[in-house]
Amino acid sequence: TYNRAIGVDTLQQPLVNYSELLSEYNYVSGCI
């Protein structure tokens, strides 16, 4: 995506991240 974007594509639409996708498969996620 473009510089400065946080979790959105070049059209500023949300992108699915690990925690969101993996939660559908019963995963838990963390960020440190």
PDB file of all heavy atoms in Angstrom:
ATOM      1  N   THR A   1       0.842  -1.186   0.000  1.00  0.00           N
ATOM      2  CA  THR A   1       0.000   0.000   0.000  1.00  0.00           C
ATOM      3  C   THR A   1       0.883   1.243   0.000  1.00  0.00           C
ATOM      4  O   THR A   1       2.110   1.149  -0.116  1.00  0.00           O
ATOM      5  CB  THR A   1      -0.957  -0.015   1.199  1.00  0.00           C
ATOM      6  OG1 THR A   1      -1.892   1.062   1.090  1.00  0.00           O
ATOM      7  CG2 THR A   1      -0.205   0.088   2.522  1.00  0.00           C
ATOM      8  N   TYR A   2       0.270   2.391   0.122  1.00  0.00           N
ATOM      9  CA  TYR A   2       1.018   3.649   0.085  1.00  0.00           C
ATOM     10  C   TYR A   2       1.667   3.935   1.441  1.00  0.00           C
ATOM     11  O   TYR A   2       1.186   3.487   2.488  1.00  0.00           O
ATOM     12  CB  TYR A   2       0.114   4.804  -0.339  1.00  0.00           C
ATOM     13  CG  TYR A   2      -1.064   5.073   0.595  1.00  0.00           C
ATOM     14  CD1 TYR A   2      -0.970   5.996   1.648  1.00  0.00           C
ATOM     15  CD2 TYR A   2      -2.283   4.406   0.423  1.00  0.00           C
ATOM     16  CE1 TYR A   2      -2.036   6.243   2.495  1.00  0.00           C
ATOM     17  CE2 TYR A   2      -3.354   4.652   1.265  1.00  0.00           C
ATOM     18  CZ  TYR A   2      -3.227   5.572   2.300  1.00  0.00           C
ATOM     19  OH  TYR A   2      -4.287   5.813   3.149  1.00  0.00           O
ATOM     20  N   ASN A   3       2.748   4.691   1.405  1.00  0.00           N
ATOM     21  CA  ASN A   3       3.405   5.088   2.648  1.00  0.00           C
ATOM     22  C   ASN A   3       2.440   5.858   3.536  1.00  0.00           C
ATOM     23  O   ASN A   3       1.677   6.698   3.057  1.00  0.00           O
ATOM     24  CB  ASN A   3       4.638   5.941   2.362  1.00  0.00           C
ATOM     25  CG  ASN A   3       5.834   5.101   1.941  1.00  0.00           C
ATOM     26  OD1 ASN A   3       5.761   3.868   1.869  1.00  0.00           O
ATOM     27  ND2 ASN A   3       6.951   5.765   1.654  1.00  0.00           N
ATOM     28  N   ARG A   4       2.509   5.546   4.825  1.00  0.00           N
ATOM     29  CA  ARG A   4       1.706   6.125   5.905  1.00  0.00           C
ATOM     30  C   ARG A   4       0.391   5.383   6.127  1.00  0.00           C
ATOM     31  O   ARG A   4      -0.307   5.632   7.117  1.00  0.00           O
ATOM     32  CB  ARG A   4       1.443   7.636   5.706  1.00  0.00           C
ATOM     33  CG  ARG A   4       2.714   8.473   5.592  1.00  0.00           C
ATOM     34  CD  ARG A   4       2.428   9.957   5.724  1.00  0.00           C
ATOM     35  NE  ARG A   4       1.941  10.294   7.066  1.00  0.00           N
ATOM     36  CZ  ARG A   4       2.729  10.480   8.121  1.00  0.00           C
ATOM     37  NH1 ARG A   4       4.040  10.346   8.016  1.00  0.00           N
ATOM     38  NH2 ARG A   4       2.198  10.809   9.272  1.00  0.00           N
ATOM     39  N   ALA A   5       0.035   4.450   5.246  1.00  0.00           N
ATOM     40  CA  ALA A   5      -1.227   3.719   5.404  1.00  0.00           C
ATOM     41  C   ALA A   5      -1.125   2.684   6.517  1.00  0.00           C
ATOM     42  O   ALA A   5      -0.138   1.958   6.621  1.00  0.00           O
ATOM     43  CB  ALA A   5      -1.606   3.036   4.098  1.00  0.00           C
ATOM     44  N   ILE A   6      -2.155   2.591   7.333  1.00  0.00           N
ATOM     45  CA  ILE A   6      -2.229   1.606   8.418  1.00  0.00           C
ATOM     46  C   ILE A   6      -3.376   0.645   8.129  1.00  0.00           C
ATOM     47  O   ILE A   6      -4.558   0.968   8.333  1.00  0.00           O
ATOM     48  CB  ILE A   6      -2.453   2.274   9.796  1.00  0.00           C
ATOM     49  CG1 ILE A   6      -1.306   3.222  10.134  1.00  0.00           C
ATOM     50  CG2 ILE A   6      -2.642   1.211  10.891  1.00  0.00           C
ATOM     51  CD1 ILE A   6       0.006   2.542  10.438  1.00  0.00           C
ATOM     52  N   GLY A   7      -3.046  -0.526   7.582  1.00  0.00           N
ATOM     53  CA  GLY A   7      -4.060  -1.563   7.382  1.00  0.00           C
ATOM     54  C   GLY A   7      -5.113  -1.244   6.345  1.00  0.00           C
ATOM     55  O   GLY A   7      -6.213  -1.813   6.398  1.00  0.00           O
ATOM     56  N   VAL A   8      -4.798  -0.331   5.411  1.00  0.00           N
ATOM     57  CA  VAL A   8      -5.736  -0.048   4.324  1.00  0.00           C
ATOM     58  C   VAL A   8      -4.993  -0.127   2.993  1.00  0.00           C
ATOM     59  O   VAL A   8      -3.769   0.009   2.940  1.00  0.00           O
ATOM     60  CB  VAL A   8      -6.397   1.348   4.478  1.00  0.00           C
ATOM     61  CG1 VAL A   8      -7.234   1.416   5.748  1.00  0.00           C
ATOM     62  CG2 VAL A   8      -5.343   2.460   4.455  1.00  0.00           C
ATOM     63  N   ASP A   9      -5.756  -0.331   1.912  1.00  0.00           N
ATOM     64  CA  ASP A   9      -5.131  -0.450   0.602  1.00  0.00           C
ATOM     65  C   ASP A   9      -4.934   0.920  -0.032  1.00  0.00           C
ATOM     66  O   ASP A   9      -5.163   1.966   0.608  1.00  0.00           O
ATOM     67  CB  ASP A   9      -5.937  -1.380  -0.298  1.00  0.00           C
ATOM     68  CG  ASP A   9      -7.353  -0.869  -0.581  1.00  0.00           C
ATOM     69  OD1 ASP A   9      -7.607   0.350  -0.383  1.00  0.00           O
ATOM     70  OD2 ASP A   9      -8.212  -1.674  -0.997  1.00  0.00           O
ATOM     71  N   THR A  10      -4.537   0.949  -1.288  1.00  0.00           N
ATOM     72  CA  THR A  10      -4.253   2.216  -1.963  1.00  0.00           C
ATOM     73  C   THR A  10      -5.513   3.055  -2.163  1.00  0.00           C
ATOM     74  O   THR A  10      -5.420   4.254  -2.436  1.00  0.00           O
ATOM     75  CB  THR A  10      -3.588   1.960  -3.325  1.00  0.00           C
ATOM     76  OG1 THR A  10      -4.412   1.068  -4.092  1.00  0.00           O
ATOM     77  CG2 THR A  10      -2.211   1.331  -3.139  1.00  0.00           C
ATOM     78  N   LEU A  11      -6.680   2.436  -2.036  1.00  0.00           N
ATOM     79  CA  LEU A  11      -7.957   3.161  -2.126  1.00  0.00           C
ATOM     80  C   LEU A  11      -8.496   3.490  -0.741  1.00  0.00           C
ATOM     81  O   LEU A  11      -9.647   3.906  -0.598  1.00  0.00           O
ATOM     82  CB  LEU A  11      -8.976   2.338  -2.917  1.00  0.00           C
ATOM     83  CG  LEU A  11      -8.576   2.008  -4.365  1.00  0.00           C
ATOM     84  CD1 LEU A  11      -9.631   1.115  -5.022  1.00  0.00           C
ATOM     85  CD2 LEU A  11      -8.362   3.277  -5.172  1.00  0.00           C
ATOM     86  N   GLN A  12      -7.661   3.254   0.268  1.00  0.00           N
ATOM     87  CA  GLN A  12      -7.991   3.529   1.669  1.00  0.00           C
ATOM     88  C   GLN A  12      -9.127   2.653   2.194  1.00  0.00           C
ATOM     89  O   GLN A  12      -9.855   3.016   3.116  1.00  0.00           O
ATOM     90  CB  GLN A  12      -8.323   5.017   1.871  1.00  0.00           C
ATOM     91  CG  GLN A  12      -7.164   5.935   1.517  1.00  0.00           C
ATOM     92  CD  GLN A  12      -7.416   7.396   1.829  1.00  0.00           C
ATOM     93  OE1 GLN A  12      -8.535   7.786   2.145  1.00  0.00           O
ATOM     94  NE2 GLN A  12      -6.370   8.209   1.757  1.00  0.00           N
ATOM     95  N   GLN A  13      -9.214   1.448   1.612  1.00  0.00           N
ATOM     96  CA  GLN A  13     -10.194   0.470   2.087  1.00  0.00           C
ATOM     97  C   GLN A  13      -9.507  -0.532   3.023  1.00  0.00           C
ATOM     98  O   GLN A  13      -8.351  -0.891   2.800  1.00  0.00           O
ATOM     99  CB  GLN A  13     -10.827  -0.270   0.911  1.00  0.00           C
ATOM    100  CG  GLN A  13     -11.615   0.636  -0.022  1.00  0.00           C
ATOM    101  CD  GLN A  13     -12.733   1.379   0.697  1.00  0.00           C
ATOM    102  OE1 GLN A  13     -13.596   0.750   1.348  1.00  0.00           O
ATOM    103  NE2 GLN A  13     -12.711   2.698   0.622  1.00  0.00           N
ATOM    104  N   PRO A  14     -10.199  -0.992   4.063  1.00  0.00           N
ATOM    105  CA  PRO A  14      -9.582  -1.907   5.038  1.00  0.00           C
ATOM    106  C   PRO A  14      -9.085  -3.198   4.395  1.00  0.00           C
ATOM    107  O   PRO A  14      -9.731  -3.756   3.506  1.00  0.00           O
ATOM    108  CB  PRO A  14     -10.714  -2.189   6.025  1.00  0.00           C
ATOM    109  CG  PRO A  14     -11.651  -1.040   5.881  1.00  0.00           C
ATOM    110  CD  PRO A  14     -11.588  -0.641   4.435  1.00  0.00           C
ATOM    111  N   LEU A  15      -7.940  -3.646   4.855  1.00  0.00           N
ATOM    112  CA  LEU A  15      -7.373  -4.926   4.438  1.00  0.00           C
ATOM    113  C   LEU A  15      -7.472  -5.905   5.605  1.00  0.00           C
ATOM    114  O   LEU A  15      -7.317  -5.527   6.766  1.00  0.00           O
ATOM    115  CB  LEU A  15      -5.902  -4.750   4.043  1.00  0.00           C
ATOM    116  CG  LEU A  15      -5.622  -3.956   2.764  1.00  0.00           C
ATOM    117  CD1 LEU A  15      -4.152  -3.578   2.699  1.00  0.00           C
ATOM    118  CD2 LEU A  15      -6.026  -4.768   1.535  1.00  0.00           C
ATOM    119  N   VAL A  16      -7.706  -7.154   5.297  1.00  0.00           N
ATOM    120  CA  VAL A  16      -7.823  -8.169   6.346  1.00  0.00           C
ATOM    121  C   VAL A  16      -6.429  -8.529   6.850  1.00  0.00           C
ATOM    122  O   VAL A  16      -5.528  -8.856   6.063  1.00  0.00           O
ATOM    123  CB  VAL A  16      -8.522  -9.430   5.810  1.00  0.00           C
ATOM    124  CG1 VAL A  16      -8.562 -10.521   6.888  1.00  0.00           C
ATOM    125  CG2 VAL A  16      -9.938  -9.088   5.350  1.00  0.00           C
ATOM    126  N   ASN A  17      -6.241  -8.464   8.157  1.00  0.00           N
ATOM    127  CA  ASN A  17      -4.940  -8.798   8.741  1.00  0.00           C
ATOM    128  C   ASN A  17      -4.949 -10.200   9.340  1.00  0.00           C
ATOM    129  O   ASN A  17      -5.980 -10.892   9.333  1.00  0.00           O
ATOM    130  CB  ASN A  17      -4.528  -7.747   9.783  1.00  0.00           C
ATOM    131  CG  ASN A  17      -5.552  -7.596  10.895  1.00  0.00           C
ATOM    132  OD1 ASN A  17      -6.050  -8.579  11.430  1.00  0.00           O
ATOM    133  ND2 ASN A  17      -5.856  -6.349  11.257  1.00  0.00           N
ATOM    134  N   TYR A  18      -3.818 -10.637   9.871  1.00  0.00           N
ATOM    135  CA  TYR A  18      -3.691 -11.993  10.427  1.00  0.00           C
ATOM    136  C   TYR A  18      -4.748 -12.291  11.481  1.00  0.00           C
ATOM    137  O   TYR A  18      -5.415 -13.334  11.443  1.00  0.00           O
ATOM    138  CB  TYR A  18      -2.302 -12.191  11.053  1.00  0.00           C
ATOM    139  CG  TYR A  18      -1.185 -12.380  10.088  1.00  0.00           C
ATOM    140  CD1 TYR A  18      -0.208 -11.399   9.930  1.00  0.00           C
ATOM    141  CD2 TYR A  18      -1.078 -13.541   9.312  1.00  0.00           C
ATOM    142  CE1 TYR A  18       0.844 -11.567   9.042  1.00  0.00           C
ATOM    143  CE2 TYR A  18      -0.028 -13.713   8.420  1.00  0.00           C
ATOM    144  CZ  TYR A  18       0.922 -12.721   8.290  1.00  0.00           C
ATOM    145  OH  TYR A  18       1.963 -12.890   7.407  1.00  0.00           O
ATOM    146  N   SER A  19      -4.852 -11.399  12.461  1.00  0.00           N
ATOM    147  CA  SER A  19      -5.760 -11.705  13.581  1.00  0.00           C
ATOM    148  C   SER A  19      -7.197 -11.820  13.109  1.00  0.00           C
ATOM    149  O   SER A  19      -7.966 -12.656  13.618  1.00  0.00           O
ATOM    150  CB  SER A  19      -5.641 -10.638  14.675  1.00  0.00           C
ATOM    151  OG  SER A  19      -6.022  -9.368  14.202  1.00  0.00           O
ATOM    152  N   GLU A  20      -7.589 -10.991  12.140  1.00  0.00           N
ATOM    153  CA  GLU A  20      -8.961 -11.046  11.632  1.00  0.00           C
ATOM    154  C   GLU A  20      -9.204 -12.318  10.834  1.00  0.00           C
ATOM    155  O   GLU A  20     -10.233 -12.993  11.010  1.00  0.00           O
ATOM    156  CB  GLU A  20      -9.227  -9.810  10.771  1.00  0.00           C
ATOM    157  CG  GLU A  20      -9.241  -8.525  11.584  1.00  0.00           C
ATOM    158  CD  GLU A  20      -9.140  -7.268  10.737  1.00  0.00           C
ATOM    159  OE1 GLU A  20      -8.724  -7.353   9.561  1.00  0.00           O
ATOM    160  OE2 GLU A  20      -9.459  -6.185  11.258  1.00  0.00           O
ATOM    161  N   LEU A  21      -8.287 -12.667   9.965  1.00  0.00           N
ATOM    162  CA  LEU A  21      -8.462 -13.873   9.151  1.00  0.00           C
ATOM    163  C   LEU A  21      -8.374 -15.138  10.000  1.00  0.00           C
ATOM    164  O   LEU A  21      -9.213 -16.045   9.884  1.00  0.00           O
ATOM    165  CB  LEU A  21      -7.401 -13.911   8.059  1.00  0.00           C
ATOM    166  CG  LEU A  21      -7.410 -15.145   7.155  1.00  0.00           C
ATOM    167  CD1 LEU A  21      -8.722 -15.242   6.386  1.00  0.00           C
ATOM    168  CD2 LEU A  21      -6.234 -15.131   6.195  1.00  0.00           C
ATOM    169  N   LEU A  22      -7.361 -15.188  10.864  1.00  0.00           N
ATOM    170  CA  LEU A  22      -7.138 -16.405  11.637  1.00  0.00           C
ATOM    171  C   LEU A  22      -8.208 -16.633  12.699  1.00  0.00           C
ATOM    172  O   LEU A  22      -8.438 -17.780  13.128  1.00  0.00           O
ATOM    173  CB  LEU A  22      -5.757 -16.360  12.284  1.00  0.00           C
ATOM    174  CG  LEU A  22      -4.578 -16.401  11.309  1.00  0.00           C
ATOM    175  CD1 LEU A  22      -3.255 -16.303  12.065  1.00  0.00           C
ATOM    176  CD2 LEU A  22      -4.608 -17.671  10.468  1.00  0.00           C
ATOM    177  N   SER A  23      -8.890 -15.563  13.121  1.00  0.00           N
ATOM    178  CA  SER A  23      -9.964 -15.739  14.107  1.00  0.00           C
ATOM    179  C   SER A  23     -11.090 -16.600  13.537  1.00  0.00           C
ATOM    180  O   SER A  23     -11.799 -17.296  14.274  1.00  0.00           O
ATOM    181  CB  SER A  23     -10.519 -14.379  14.548  1.00  0.00           C
ATOM    182  OG  SER A  23     -11.172 -13.725  13.468  1.00  0.00           O
ATOM    183  N   GLU A  24     -11.239 -16.580  12.207  1.00  0.00           N
ATOM    184  CA  GLU A  24     -12.252 -17.407  11.556  1.00  0.00           C
ATOM    185  C   GLU A  24     -11.895 -18.894  11.629  1.00  0.00           C
ATOM    186  O   GLU A  24     -12.750 -19.760  11.408  1.00  0.00           O
ATOM    187  CB  GLU A  24     -12.406 -16.979  10.098  1.00  0.00           C
ATOM    188  CG  GLU A  24     -12.865 -15.533   9.934  1.00  0.00           C
ATOM    189  CD  GLU A  24     -12.933 -15.113   8.480  1.00  0.00           C
ATOM    190  OE1 GLU A  24     -12.743 -15.999   7.601  1.00  0.00           O
ATOM    191  OE2 GLU A  24     -13.171 -13.925   8.210  1.00  0.00           O
ATOM    192  N   TYR A  25     -10.643 -19.183  11.931  1.00  0.00           N
ATOM    193  CA  TYR A  25     -10.185 -20.569  12.055  1.00  0.00           C
ATOM    194  C   TYR A  25      -9.856 -20.919  13.513  1.00  0.00           C
ATOM    195  O   TYR A  25      -9.094 -21.837  13.777  1.00  0.00           O
ATOM    196  CB  TYR A  25      -8.950 -20.778  11.177  1.00  0.00           C
ATOM    197  CG  TYR A  25      -9.236 -20.614   9.694  1.00  0.00           C
ATOM    198  CD1 TYR A  25      -9.051 -19.383   9.070  1.00  0.00           C
ATOM    199  CD2 TYR A  25      -9.697 -21.681   8.926  1.00  0.00           C
ATOM    200  CE1 TYR A  25      -9.306 -19.217   7.721  1.00  0.00           C
ATOM    201  CE2 TYR A  25      -9.957 -21.521   7.576  1.00  0.00           C
ATOM    202  CZ  TYR A  25      -9.764 -20.289   6.978  1.00  0.00           C
ATOM    203  OH  TYR A  25     -10.030 -20.131   5.627  1.00  0.00           O
ATOM    204  N   ASN A  26     -10.465 -20.143  14.426  1.00  0.00           N
ATOM    205  CA  ASN A  26     -10.364 -20.421  15.857  1.00  0.00           C
ATOM    206  C   ASN A  26      -8.978 -20.141  16.435  1.00  0.00           C
ATOM    207  O   ASN A  26      -8.593 -20.717  17.449  1.00  0.00           O
ATOM    208  CB  ASN A  26     -10.760 -21.873  16.167  1.00  0.00           C
ATOM    209  CG  ASN A  26     -11.243 -22.032  17.595  1.00  0.00           C
ATOM    210  OD1 ASN A  26     -11.853 -21.130  18.169  1.00  0.00           O
ATOM    211  ND2 ASN A  26     -10.959 -23.183  18.184  1.00  0.00           N
ATOM    212  N   TYR A  27      -8.218 -19.264  15.803  1.00  0.00           N
ATOM    213  CA  TYR A  27      -6.921 -18.846  16.338  1.00  0.00           C
ATOM    214  C   TYR A  27      -7.109 -17.701  17.321  1.00  0.00           C
ATOM    215  O   TYR A  27      -8.044 -16.891  17.197  1.00  0.00           O
ATOM    216  CB  TYR A  27      -6.004 -18.340  15.218  1.00  0.00           C
ATOM    217  CG  TYR A  27      -5.273 -19.410  14.450  1.00  0.00           C
ATOM    218  CD1 TYR A  27      -5.946 -20.263  13.580  1.00  0.00           C
ATOM    219  CD2 TYR A  27      -3.887 -19.541  14.549  1.00  0.00           C
ATOM    220  CE1 TYR A  27      -5.269 -21.230  12.837  1.00  0.00           C
ATOM    221  CE2 TYR A  27      -3.204 -20.501  13.811  1.00  0.00           C
ATOM    222  CZ  TYR A  27      -3.895 -21.335  12.966  1.00  0.00           C
ATOM    223  OH  TYR A  27      -3.224 -22.279  12.235  1.00  0.00           O
ATOM    224  N   VAL A  28      -6.198 -17.603  18.257  1.00  0.00           N
ATOM    225  CA  VAL A  28      -6.069 -16.403  19.083  1.00  0.00           C
ATOM    226  C   VAL A  28      -4.783 -15.703  18.655  1.00  0.00           C
ATOM    227  O   VAL A  28      -3.845 -16.346  18.173  1.00  0.00           O
ATOM    228  CB  VAL A  28      -6.040 -16.724  20.586  1.00  0.00           C
ATOM    229  CG1 VAL A  28      -7.410 -17.203  21.059  1.00  0.00           C
ATOM    230  CG2 VAL A  28      -4.964 -17.748  20.910  1.00  0.00           C
ATOM    231  N   SER A  29      -4.752 -14.380  18.836  1.00  0.00           N
ATOM    232  CA  SER A  29      -3.618 -13.606  18.334  1.00  0.00           C
ATOM    233  C   SER A  29      -3.121 -12.606  19.367  1.00  0.00           C
ATOM    234  O   SER A  29      -3.870 -12.163  20.244  1.00  0.00           O
ATOM    235  CB  SER A  29      -4.000 -12.850  17.056  1.00  0.00           C
ATOM    236  OG  SER A  29      -4.372 -13.756  16.030  1.00  0.00           O
ATOM    237  N   GLY A  30      -1.851 -12.245  19.231  1.00  0.00           N
ATOM    238  CA  GLY A  30      -1.266 -11.268  20.124  1.00  0.00           C
ATOM    239  C   GLY A  30      -0.295 -10.358  19.409  1.00  0.00           C
ATOM    240  O   GLY A  30       0.211 -10.682  18.323  1.00  0.00           O
ATOM    241  N   CYS A  31      -0.039  -9.216  20.017  1.00  0.00           N
ATOM    242  CA  CYS A  31       0.868  -8.220  19.445  1.00  0.00           C
ATOM    243  C   CYS A  31       1.706  -7.622  20.579  1.00  0.00           C
ATOM    244  O   CYS A  31       1.157  -7.068  21.536  1.00  0.00           O
ATOM    245  CB  CYS A  31       0.063  -7.130  18.747  1.00  0.00           C
ATOM    246  SG  CYS A  31       1.056  -5.810  18.019  1.00  0.00           S
ATOM    247  N   ILE A  32       3.027  -7.744  20.454  1.00  0.00           N
ATOM    248  CA  ILE A  32       3.955  -7.229  21.467  1.00  0.00           C
ATOM    249  C   ILE A  32       4.952  -6.313  20.781  1.00  0.00           C
ATOM    250  O   ILE A  32       5.500  -6.642  19.721  1.00  0.00           O
ATOM    251  CB  ILE A  32       4.701  -8.387  22.158  1.00  0.00           C
ATOM    252  CG1 ILE A  32       3.719  -9.298  22.910  1.00  0.00           C
ATOM    253  CG2 ILE A  32       5.762  -7.856  23.117  1.00  0.00           C
ATOM    254  CD1 ILE A  32       4.349 -10.571  23.450  1.00  0.00           C
TER     255      ILE A  32
END
